[in-house]
N, C-alpha and C. Protein backbone atom coordinates (compact mmCIF):
# COMPACT_ATOMS: atom_id res chain seq x y z
N MET A 1 -150.13 -107.14 44.08
CA MET A 1 -150.80 -106.28 45.01
C MET A 1 -151.79 -107.08 45.86
N LYS A 2 -152.47 -108.03 45.18
CA LYS A 2 -153.44 -108.86 45.87
C LYS A 2 -152.76 -109.76 46.90
N THR A 3 -151.56 -110.25 46.59
CA THR A 3 -150.86 -111.12 47.53
C THR A 3 -150.41 -110.35 48.77
N PHE A 4 -150.01 -109.09 48.58
CA PHE A 4 -149.62 -108.27 49.73
C PHE A 4 -150.81 -108.03 50.65
N ARG A 5 -151.98 -107.83 50.04
CA ARG A 5 -153.18 -107.59 50.83
C ARG A 5 -153.55 -108.85 51.62
N VAL A 6 -153.44 -110.04 51.01
CA VAL A 6 -153.76 -111.30 51.69
C VAL A 6 -152.77 -111.56 52.82
N VAL A 7 -151.49 -111.33 52.56
CA VAL A 7 -150.47 -111.52 53.58
C VAL A 7 -150.68 -110.53 54.72
N GLY A 8 -150.99 -109.30 54.40
CA GLY A 8 -151.24 -108.27 55.41
C GLY A 8 -152.44 -108.61 56.27
N MET A 9 -153.51 -109.08 55.64
CA MET A 9 -154.72 -109.46 56.38
C MET A 9 -154.43 -110.67 57.27
N SER A 10 -153.67 -111.63 56.76
CA SER A 10 -153.33 -112.83 57.54
C SER A 10 -152.49 -112.45 58.76
N ALA A 11 -151.53 -111.57 58.58
CA ALA A 11 -150.68 -111.12 59.68
C ALA A 11 -151.51 -110.37 60.72
N ALA A 12 -152.40 -109.51 60.28
CA ALA A 12 -153.25 -108.75 61.21
C ALA A 12 -154.17 -109.69 61.98
N LEU A 13 -154.72 -110.68 61.30
CA LEU A 13 -155.60 -111.65 61.95
C LEU A 13 -154.83 -112.48 62.98
N ALA A 14 -153.62 -112.92 62.63
CA ALA A 14 -152.80 -113.70 63.55
C ALA A 14 -152.43 -112.87 64.78
N PHE A 15 -152.05 -111.61 64.56
CA PHE A 15 -151.71 -110.73 65.67
C PHE A 15 -152.91 -110.50 66.58
N THR A 16 -154.08 -110.29 65.99
CA THR A 16 -155.30 -110.07 66.78
C THR A 16 -155.64 -111.30 67.61
N LEU A 17 -155.51 -112.50 67.03
CA LEU A 17 -155.81 -113.73 67.76
C LEU A 17 -154.84 -113.94 68.93
N VAL A 18 -153.56 -113.68 68.69
CA VAL A 18 -152.57 -113.82 69.76
C VAL A 18 -152.83 -112.80 70.86
N ALA A 19 -153.14 -111.57 70.50
CA ALA A 19 -153.40 -110.52 71.49
C ALA A 19 -154.64 -110.84 72.31
N LEU A 20 -155.69 -111.30 71.66
CA LEU A 20 -156.91 -111.65 72.38
C LEU A 20 -156.70 -112.89 73.25
N GLY A 21 -155.91 -113.82 72.79
CA GLY A 21 -155.63 -115.01 73.58
C GLY A 21 -154.84 -114.68 74.84
N ALA A 22 -153.97 -113.69 74.78
CA ALA A 22 -153.20 -113.28 75.94
C ALA A 22 -154.06 -112.59 76.99
N CYS A 23 -155.17 -111.99 76.57
CA CYS A 23 -156.06 -111.30 77.50
C CYS A 23 -156.95 -112.26 78.27
N ASP A 24 -157.06 -113.48 77.82
CA ASP A 24 -157.94 -114.45 78.46
C ASP A 24 -157.39 -114.81 79.83
N ASN A 25 -158.20 -114.69 80.86
CA ASN A 25 -157.77 -114.93 82.22
C ASN A 25 -158.32 -116.24 82.77
N SER A 26 -158.95 -117.02 81.95
CA SER A 26 -159.55 -118.26 82.43
C SER A 26 -158.58 -119.42 82.24
N GLN A 27 -158.88 -120.50 82.94
CA GLN A 27 -158.04 -121.69 82.87
C GLN A 27 -158.91 -122.85 82.44
N ALA A 28 -158.41 -123.63 81.54
CA ALA A 28 -159.17 -124.80 81.09
C ALA A 28 -159.10 -125.87 82.17
N VAL A 29 -160.25 -126.39 82.55
CA VAL A 29 -160.33 -127.42 83.58
C VAL A 29 -161.06 -128.61 82.97
N PHE A 30 -160.39 -129.75 83.00
CA PHE A 30 -160.96 -130.94 82.40
C PHE A 30 -161.13 -132.01 83.46
N PRO A 31 -162.17 -132.82 83.33
CA PRO A 31 -162.29 -133.94 84.27
C PRO A 31 -161.17 -134.94 84.02
N THR A 32 -160.57 -135.42 85.10
CA THR A 32 -159.51 -136.42 84.97
C THR A 32 -159.87 -137.61 85.83
N ARG A 33 -159.24 -138.68 85.57
CA ARG A 33 -159.47 -139.88 86.36
C ARG A 33 -158.12 -140.55 86.56
N GLY A 34 -157.72 -140.70 87.81
CA GLY A 34 -156.46 -141.35 88.12
C GLY A 34 -156.60 -142.85 88.06
N LYS A 35 -155.47 -143.52 88.11
CA LYS A 35 -155.47 -144.97 88.08
C LYS A 35 -156.20 -145.51 89.30
N GLY A 36 -157.18 -146.32 89.10
CA GLY A 36 -157.95 -146.90 90.18
C GLY A 36 -159.12 -146.04 90.64
N ASP A 37 -159.23 -144.80 90.14
CA ASP A 37 -160.35 -143.94 90.52
C ASP A 37 -161.61 -144.37 89.79
N THR A 38 -162.72 -144.31 90.49
CA THR A 38 -164.00 -144.66 89.85
C THR A 38 -164.79 -143.42 89.51
N SER A 39 -164.52 -142.32 90.19
CA SER A 39 -165.26 -141.09 89.89
C SER A 39 -164.29 -140.05 89.34
N PRO A 40 -164.74 -139.28 88.35
CA PRO A 40 -163.85 -138.26 87.79
C PRO A 40 -163.65 -137.11 88.78
N ARG A 41 -162.52 -136.46 88.67
CA ARG A 41 -162.26 -135.27 89.49
C ARG A 41 -161.75 -134.18 88.58
N MET A 42 -161.95 -132.95 88.96
CA MET A 42 -161.51 -131.83 88.14
C MET A 42 -159.99 -131.69 88.24
N SER A 43 -159.36 -131.27 87.17
CA SER A 43 -157.90 -131.24 87.13
C SER A 43 -157.30 -130.18 88.06
N ASN A 44 -158.06 -129.17 88.45
CA ASN A 44 -157.52 -128.15 89.34
C ASN A 44 -157.85 -128.42 90.81
N GLU A 45 -158.48 -129.54 91.10
CA GLU A 45 -158.88 -129.90 92.46
C GLU A 45 -157.67 -130.44 93.22
N LYS A 46 -157.52 -130.02 94.50
CA LYS A 46 -156.41 -130.54 95.31
C LYS A 46 -156.61 -132.01 95.59
N ARG A 47 -155.52 -132.76 95.52
CA ARG A 47 -155.59 -134.20 95.77
C ARG A 47 -154.79 -134.55 97.01
N GLU A 48 -155.20 -135.61 97.68
CA GLU A 48 -154.43 -136.11 98.80
C GLU A 48 -153.19 -136.82 98.26
N THR A 49 -152.07 -136.64 98.96
CA THR A 49 -150.84 -137.30 98.56
C THR A 49 -150.23 -137.99 99.78
N ILE A 50 -149.25 -138.81 99.52
CA ILE A 50 -148.58 -139.49 100.63
C ILE A 50 -147.72 -138.53 101.43
N PHE A 51 -147.46 -137.32 100.90
CA PHE A 51 -146.62 -136.35 101.58
C PHE A 51 -147.41 -135.44 102.50
N GLY A 52 -148.73 -135.58 102.56
CA GLY A 52 -149.55 -134.77 103.45
C GLY A 52 -149.95 -133.45 102.83
N PRO A 53 -150.65 -132.61 103.60
CA PRO A 53 -151.18 -131.37 103.05
C PRO A 53 -150.12 -130.34 102.68
N GLU A 54 -148.93 -130.41 103.28
CA GLU A 54 -147.88 -129.44 102.97
C GLU A 54 -147.01 -129.88 101.81
N GLY A 55 -147.26 -131.04 101.24
CA GLY A 55 -146.47 -131.50 100.12
C GLY A 55 -145.14 -132.08 100.57
N MET A 56 -144.32 -132.40 99.61
CA MET A 56 -143.05 -133.07 99.90
C MET A 56 -142.07 -132.15 100.64
N PHE A 57 -142.05 -130.87 100.27
CA PHE A 57 -141.07 -129.95 100.84
C PHE A 57 -141.69 -128.97 101.83
N GLY A 58 -142.99 -129.07 102.08
CA GLY A 58 -143.64 -128.22 103.07
C GLY A 58 -143.96 -126.84 102.53
N ASP A 59 -144.82 -126.14 103.26
CA ASP A 59 -145.23 -124.79 102.88
C ASP A 59 -144.56 -123.73 103.74
N LYS A 60 -143.59 -124.11 104.55
CA LYS A 60 -142.94 -123.14 105.42
C LYS A 60 -142.11 -122.18 104.57
N LYS A 61 -142.05 -120.94 105.02
CA LYS A 61 -141.27 -119.94 104.31
C LYS A 61 -139.85 -119.94 104.87
N LYS A 62 -138.90 -119.55 104.04
CA LYS A 62 -137.52 -119.49 104.50
C LYS A 62 -137.39 -118.45 105.60
N GLY A 63 -136.47 -118.72 106.52
CA GLY A 63 -136.22 -117.77 107.58
C GLY A 63 -137.08 -117.98 108.82
N GLU A 64 -137.93 -118.97 108.83
CA GLU A 64 -138.76 -119.21 110.00
C GLU A 64 -138.05 -120.10 111.01
N GLY A 65 -136.83 -120.50 110.73
CA GLY A 65 -136.09 -121.31 111.68
C GLY A 65 -136.55 -122.74 111.76
N THR A 66 -137.23 -123.18 110.73
CA THR A 66 -137.73 -124.54 110.77
C THR A 66 -136.73 -125.51 110.19
N GLY A 67 -135.71 -125.01 109.53
CA GLY A 67 -134.70 -125.91 108.99
C GLY A 67 -135.09 -126.42 107.64
N ASP A 68 -134.81 -125.65 106.61
CA ASP A 68 -135.15 -126.06 105.26
C ASP A 68 -134.21 -127.16 104.82
N GLY A 69 -134.44 -128.35 105.11
CA GLY A 69 -133.56 -129.44 104.73
C GLY A 69 -133.36 -130.42 105.86
N ILE A 70 -133.69 -130.01 107.06
CA ILE A 70 -133.66 -130.96 108.16
C ILE A 70 -135.06 -131.04 108.73
N GLY A 71 -135.34 -132.09 109.45
CA GLY A 71 -136.70 -132.33 109.92
C GLY A 71 -137.04 -131.69 111.24
N VAL A 72 -136.13 -130.94 111.84
CA VAL A 72 -136.37 -130.35 113.15
C VAL A 72 -136.00 -128.87 113.11
N ASN A 73 -136.24 -128.18 114.20
CA ASN A 73 -135.91 -126.76 114.28
C ASN A 73 -134.40 -126.58 114.13
N SER A 74 -134.01 -125.76 113.20
CA SER A 74 -132.58 -125.60 112.90
C SER A 74 -131.82 -124.93 114.04
N PHE A 75 -132.47 -124.03 114.78
CA PHE A 75 -131.79 -123.38 115.90
C PHE A 75 -131.53 -124.38 117.03
N LEU A 76 -132.52 -125.21 117.33
CA LEU A 76 -132.32 -126.23 118.37
C LEU A 76 -131.26 -127.24 117.95
N TRP A 77 -131.27 -127.60 116.67
CA TRP A 77 -130.29 -128.57 116.17
C TRP A 77 -128.88 -128.02 116.30
N ARG A 78 -128.68 -126.80 115.79
CA ARG A 78 -127.34 -126.19 115.83
C ARG A 78 -126.90 -125.97 117.28
N ALA A 79 -127.82 -125.51 118.13
CA ALA A 79 -127.50 -125.26 119.53
C ALA A 79 -127.13 -126.55 120.25
N SER A 80 -127.80 -127.64 119.92
CA SER A 80 -127.48 -128.93 120.53
C SER A 80 -126.07 -129.36 120.16
N LEU A 81 -125.74 -129.23 118.88
CA LEU A 81 -124.39 -129.60 118.44
C LEU A 81 -123.33 -128.70 119.08
N ASP A 82 -123.64 -127.40 119.18
CA ASP A 82 -122.69 -126.48 119.82
C ASP A 82 -122.49 -126.81 121.29
N THR A 83 -123.58 -127.09 121.99
CA THR A 83 -123.51 -127.37 123.42
C THR A 83 -122.78 -128.68 123.70
N LEU A 84 -122.97 -129.67 122.84
CA LEU A 84 -122.33 -130.97 123.03
C LEU A 84 -120.99 -131.07 122.31
N GLY A 85 -120.47 -129.95 121.87
CA GLY A 85 -119.23 -129.95 121.08
C GLY A 85 -118.04 -130.55 121.79
N PHE A 86 -118.03 -130.57 123.11
CA PHE A 86 -116.89 -131.12 123.85
C PHE A 86 -116.96 -132.64 123.96
N MET A 87 -118.12 -133.24 123.64
CA MET A 87 -118.29 -134.69 123.77
C MET A 87 -118.18 -135.36 122.40
N PRO A 88 -117.72 -136.60 122.34
CA PRO A 88 -117.68 -137.30 121.05
C PRO A 88 -119.10 -137.69 120.63
N ILE A 89 -119.46 -137.35 119.40
CA ILE A 89 -120.79 -137.65 118.87
C ILE A 89 -120.75 -139.05 118.25
N ALA A 90 -121.60 -139.94 118.73
CA ALA A 90 -121.67 -141.30 118.18
C ALA A 90 -122.63 -141.35 117.01
N SER A 91 -123.73 -140.59 117.09
CA SER A 91 -124.74 -140.61 116.04
C SER A 91 -125.50 -139.29 116.06
N ALA A 92 -125.79 -138.77 114.87
CA ALA A 92 -126.57 -137.54 114.75
C ALA A 92 -127.51 -137.68 113.56
N ASP A 93 -128.80 -137.57 113.81
CA ASP A 93 -129.82 -137.69 112.77
C ASP A 93 -130.62 -136.40 112.69
N PRO A 94 -130.31 -135.51 111.72
CA PRO A 94 -131.02 -134.24 111.65
C PRO A 94 -132.48 -134.37 111.22
N PHE A 95 -132.84 -135.45 110.58
CA PHE A 95 -134.23 -135.63 110.15
C PHE A 95 -135.09 -136.14 111.29
N GLY A 96 -134.53 -136.98 112.13
CA GLY A 96 -135.27 -137.48 113.29
C GLY A 96 -135.05 -136.65 114.53
N GLY A 97 -134.05 -135.76 114.51
CA GLY A 97 -133.79 -134.90 115.65
C GLY A 97 -133.14 -135.61 116.82
N THR A 98 -132.24 -136.54 116.54
CA THR A 98 -131.61 -137.32 117.60
C THR A 98 -130.09 -137.15 117.55
N ILE A 99 -129.51 -136.87 118.70
CA ILE A 99 -128.05 -136.81 118.84
C ILE A 99 -127.68 -137.74 119.98
N ILE A 100 -126.80 -138.68 119.72
CA ILE A 100 -126.34 -139.63 120.73
C ILE A 100 -124.83 -139.47 120.85
N THR A 101 -124.37 -139.22 122.06
CA THR A 101 -122.93 -139.08 122.27
C THR A 101 -122.35 -140.41 122.70
N ASP A 102 -121.05 -140.50 122.56
CA ASP A 102 -120.32 -141.65 123.10
C ASP A 102 -119.97 -141.30 124.55
N TRP A 103 -119.45 -142.25 125.28
CA TRP A 103 -119.08 -141.99 126.67
C TRP A 103 -117.97 -140.95 126.71
N TYR A 104 -118.10 -140.01 127.63
CA TYR A 104 -117.11 -138.95 127.80
C TYR A 104 -116.62 -138.95 129.25
N GLN A 105 -115.32 -138.92 129.38
CA GLN A 105 -114.69 -138.97 130.69
C GLN A 105 -113.94 -137.66 130.92
N LEU A 106 -114.27 -136.98 132.00
CA LEU A 106 -113.56 -135.74 132.34
C LEU A 106 -112.13 -136.08 132.74
N PRO A 107 -111.15 -135.31 132.29
CA PRO A 107 -109.76 -135.60 132.64
C PRO A 107 -109.50 -135.56 134.15
N GLU A 108 -110.22 -134.68 134.86
CA GLU A 108 -109.99 -134.56 136.31
C GLU A 108 -110.71 -135.62 137.14
N SER A 109 -111.62 -136.39 136.53
CA SER A 109 -112.29 -137.47 137.27
C SER A 109 -112.32 -138.74 136.41
N PRO A 110 -111.23 -139.51 136.43
CA PRO A 110 -111.12 -140.69 135.56
C PRO A 110 -112.00 -141.86 135.99
N ASN A 111 -112.65 -141.77 137.15
CA ASN A 111 -113.48 -142.89 137.61
C ASN A 111 -114.96 -142.71 137.33
N GLU A 112 -115.32 -141.72 136.55
CA GLU A 112 -116.71 -141.56 136.13
C GLU A 112 -116.77 -141.07 134.69
N ARG A 113 -117.85 -141.43 134.01
CA ARG A 113 -118.03 -141.01 132.62
C ARG A 113 -119.51 -140.77 132.37
N PHE A 114 -119.78 -139.96 131.32
CA PHE A 114 -121.15 -139.55 131.00
C PHE A 114 -121.46 -139.82 129.54
N LYS A 115 -122.73 -140.01 129.28
CA LYS A 115 -123.24 -140.18 127.92
C LYS A 115 -124.57 -139.43 127.86
N LEU A 116 -124.82 -138.74 126.73
CA LEU A 116 -126.05 -137.96 126.58
C LEU A 116 -126.81 -138.38 125.33
N ASN A 117 -128.11 -138.39 125.44
CA ASN A 117 -129.00 -138.53 124.28
C ASN A 117 -129.85 -137.27 124.23
N VAL A 118 -129.84 -136.59 123.09
CA VAL A 118 -130.62 -135.37 122.91
C VAL A 118 -131.69 -135.65 121.86
N PHE A 119 -132.91 -135.30 122.20
CA PHE A 119 -134.04 -135.48 121.28
C PHE A 119 -134.68 -134.12 121.04
N ILE A 120 -134.73 -133.70 119.78
CA ILE A 120 -135.42 -132.47 119.42
C ILE A 120 -136.82 -132.90 118.98
N LEU A 121 -137.81 -132.42 119.71
CA LEU A 121 -139.17 -132.94 119.59
C LEU A 121 -140.10 -132.08 118.73
N ASP A 122 -139.66 -130.91 118.30
CA ASP A 122 -140.58 -130.01 117.62
C ASP A 122 -139.85 -129.22 116.55
N ARG A 123 -140.61 -128.72 115.58
CA ARG A 123 -140.04 -127.86 114.55
C ARG A 123 -140.03 -126.40 114.99
N ALA A 124 -140.66 -126.12 116.12
CA ALA A 124 -140.69 -124.76 116.65
C ALA A 124 -139.66 -124.63 117.77
N LEU A 125 -139.20 -123.41 117.96
CA LEU A 125 -138.26 -123.12 119.04
C LEU A 125 -139.07 -122.89 120.31
N ARG A 126 -139.24 -123.97 121.07
CA ARG A 126 -140.04 -123.93 122.30
C ARG A 126 -139.26 -124.59 123.42
N ALA A 127 -139.63 -124.26 124.65
CA ALA A 127 -138.93 -124.81 125.81
C ALA A 127 -139.10 -126.32 125.91
N ASP A 128 -140.25 -126.83 125.47
CA ASP A 128 -140.46 -128.28 125.53
C ASP A 128 -140.07 -128.97 124.22
N GLY A 129 -139.32 -128.27 123.38
CA GLY A 129 -138.91 -128.82 122.09
C GLY A 129 -137.64 -129.65 122.14
N VAL A 130 -137.01 -129.73 123.30
CA VAL A 130 -135.77 -130.51 123.42
C VAL A 130 -135.82 -131.32 124.72
N LYS A 131 -135.34 -132.55 124.64
CA LYS A 131 -135.29 -133.44 125.81
C LYS A 131 -133.90 -134.07 125.85
N VAL A 132 -133.29 -134.05 127.02
CA VAL A 132 -131.96 -134.61 127.20
C VAL A 132 -132.04 -135.75 128.21
N SER A 133 -131.42 -136.87 127.87
CA SER A 133 -131.28 -137.99 128.80
C SER A 133 -129.79 -138.13 129.12
N VAL A 134 -129.48 -138.17 130.40
CA VAL A 134 -128.09 -138.26 130.85
C VAL A 134 -127.86 -139.62 131.49
N PHE A 135 -126.76 -140.25 131.11
CA PHE A 135 -126.36 -141.53 131.68
C PHE A 135 -124.98 -141.36 132.30
N LYS A 136 -124.80 -141.99 133.45
CA LYS A 136 -123.53 -141.86 134.16
C LYS A 136 -123.08 -143.24 134.61
N GLN A 137 -121.78 -143.46 134.52
CA GLN A 137 -121.19 -144.71 135.01
C GLN A 137 -119.98 -144.37 135.88
N GLY A 138 -119.74 -145.22 136.84
CA GLY A 138 -118.58 -145.09 137.71
C GLY A 138 -117.87 -146.43 137.81
N ARG A 139 -116.62 -146.39 138.22
CA ARG A 139 -115.85 -147.64 138.39
C ARG A 139 -116.12 -148.22 139.77
N ASP A 140 -116.34 -149.54 139.78
CA ASP A 140 -116.50 -150.22 141.07
C ASP A 140 -115.12 -150.63 141.60
N SER A 141 -115.10 -151.39 142.68
CA SER A 141 -113.83 -151.80 143.29
C SER A 141 -113.00 -152.71 142.39
N MET A 142 -113.68 -153.38 141.43
CA MET A 142 -112.97 -154.28 140.50
C MET A 142 -112.48 -153.53 139.25
N GLY A 143 -112.82 -152.24 139.15
CA GLY A 143 -112.41 -151.46 137.99
C GLY A 143 -113.38 -151.54 136.82
N GLN A 144 -114.54 -152.18 137.03
CA GLN A 144 -115.55 -152.30 135.97
C GLN A 144 -116.49 -151.09 136.01
N TRP A 145 -117.00 -150.72 134.83
CA TRP A 145 -117.96 -149.62 134.75
C TRP A 145 -119.34 -150.12 135.18
N VAL A 146 -119.97 -149.39 136.10
CA VAL A 146 -121.33 -149.71 136.54
C VAL A 146 -122.17 -148.44 136.47
N ASP A 147 -123.47 -148.62 136.22
CA ASP A 147 -124.38 -147.48 136.15
C ASP A 147 -124.53 -146.82 137.51
N VAL A 148 -124.56 -145.50 137.48
CA VAL A 148 -124.69 -144.70 138.70
C VAL A 148 -125.88 -143.76 138.52
N ARG A 149 -126.57 -143.49 139.62
CA ARG A 149 -127.72 -142.59 139.57
C ARG A 149 -127.28 -141.18 139.17
N VAL A 150 -128.07 -140.56 138.30
CA VAL A 150 -127.78 -139.21 137.82
C VAL A 150 -128.75 -138.24 138.47
N GLU A 151 -128.26 -137.10 138.87
CA GLU A 151 -129.13 -136.05 139.40
C GLU A 151 -130.05 -135.55 138.28
N PRO A 152 -131.36 -135.48 138.49
CA PRO A 152 -132.28 -135.00 137.45
C PRO A 152 -131.97 -133.58 137.00
N LYS A 153 -131.38 -132.79 137.87
CA LYS A 153 -131.03 -131.41 137.54
C LYS A 153 -130.02 -131.34 136.40
N MET A 154 -129.20 -132.36 136.25
CA MET A 154 -128.18 -132.36 135.19
C MET A 154 -128.83 -132.32 133.81
N ALA A 155 -129.87 -133.11 133.59
CA ALA A 155 -130.57 -133.11 132.30
C ALA A 155 -131.25 -131.77 132.06
N THR A 156 -131.87 -131.22 133.10
CA THR A 156 -132.53 -129.92 132.98
C THR A 156 -131.52 -128.82 132.67
N ASP A 157 -130.36 -128.87 133.30
CA ASP A 157 -129.32 -127.88 133.03
C ASP A 157 -128.84 -127.96 131.58
N MET A 158 -128.68 -129.16 131.06
CA MET A 158 -128.27 -129.32 129.65
C MET A 158 -129.36 -128.79 128.71
N GLU A 159 -130.62 -129.09 129.01
CA GLU A 159 -131.73 -128.58 128.19
C GLU A 159 -131.73 -127.05 128.19
N ASN A 160 -131.54 -126.46 129.36
CA ASN A 160 -131.51 -124.99 129.46
C ASN A 160 -130.33 -124.40 128.70
N ALA A 161 -129.19 -125.06 128.73
CA ALA A 161 -128.02 -124.57 127.99
C ALA A 161 -128.29 -124.61 126.49
N ILE A 162 -128.93 -125.68 126.02
CA ILE A 162 -129.27 -125.80 124.59
C ILE A 162 -130.27 -124.73 124.20
N LEU A 163 -131.30 -124.52 125.02
CA LEU A 163 -132.32 -123.50 124.72
C LEU A 163 -131.73 -122.09 124.71
N THR A 164 -130.82 -121.82 125.63
CA THR A 164 -130.18 -120.50 125.67
C THR A 164 -129.37 -120.27 124.41
N ARG A 165 -128.61 -121.27 123.99
CA ARG A 165 -127.81 -121.15 122.76
C ARG A 165 -128.71 -121.01 121.54
N ALA A 166 -129.83 -121.74 121.50
CA ALA A 166 -130.76 -121.65 120.37
C ALA A 166 -131.36 -120.25 120.27
N ARG A 167 -131.69 -119.66 121.40
CA ARG A 167 -132.22 -118.28 121.39
C ARG A 167 -131.17 -117.30 120.89
N GLN A 168 -129.92 -117.50 121.30
CA GLN A 168 -128.84 -116.64 120.82
C GLN A 168 -128.69 -116.74 119.30
N LEU A 169 -128.74 -117.97 118.79
CA LEU A 169 -128.62 -118.18 117.34
C LEU A 169 -129.78 -117.52 116.60
N ARG A 170 -130.97 -117.60 117.16
CA ARG A 170 -132.13 -116.99 116.51
C ARG A 170 -132.00 -115.48 116.48
N ILE A 171 -131.56 -114.88 117.57
CA ILE A 171 -131.39 -113.43 117.63
C ILE A 171 -130.36 -112.98 116.60
N VAL A 172 -129.25 -113.71 116.49
CA VAL A 172 -128.21 -113.36 115.53
C VAL A 172 -128.73 -113.48 114.10
N SER A 173 -129.59 -114.45 113.83
CA SER A 173 -130.08 -114.66 112.47
C SER A 173 -131.07 -113.58 112.03
N THR A 174 -131.72 -112.90 112.98
CA THR A 174 -132.69 -111.86 112.62
C THR A 174 -132.05 -110.50 112.46
N GLU A 175 -130.80 -110.35 112.87
CA GLU A 175 -130.13 -109.05 112.76
C GLU A 175 -129.64 -108.80 111.36
């Protein structure tokens, strides 16, 4: 009988301690010292890291169009690839936001060819978030390719086409 009473009291005491421990809302904070640190810092204090204030993966929420996995705005990136889909892509860097095409020759004009470089400059969908550089070459009398002046409007038209497509993609993603 005495052993049952001791076991019962022990079980009640253990249950009470666990229940009271679960009610505790405080957090233990201890001074820590990192390698090379001369002054202690509290363990719950924010520290500077090489990844910056947003950490390695950032504090952006999903669905903001920032591109969870690429370094530039996902709508601008996708729109750039869609707009340049007819040209051969020589290089595409989603983290740096750079798309470089190879030379493209229109079938109806075999004596001229174009090359585009697209730079996505921002993580936000903004009008100044994309820059296009257009290069043009034509054949001279010897049949060699030589650089030809490009109308500035051509780069602006490409930028506007990319921005229009990016806005369409954003609208579709919110529906």
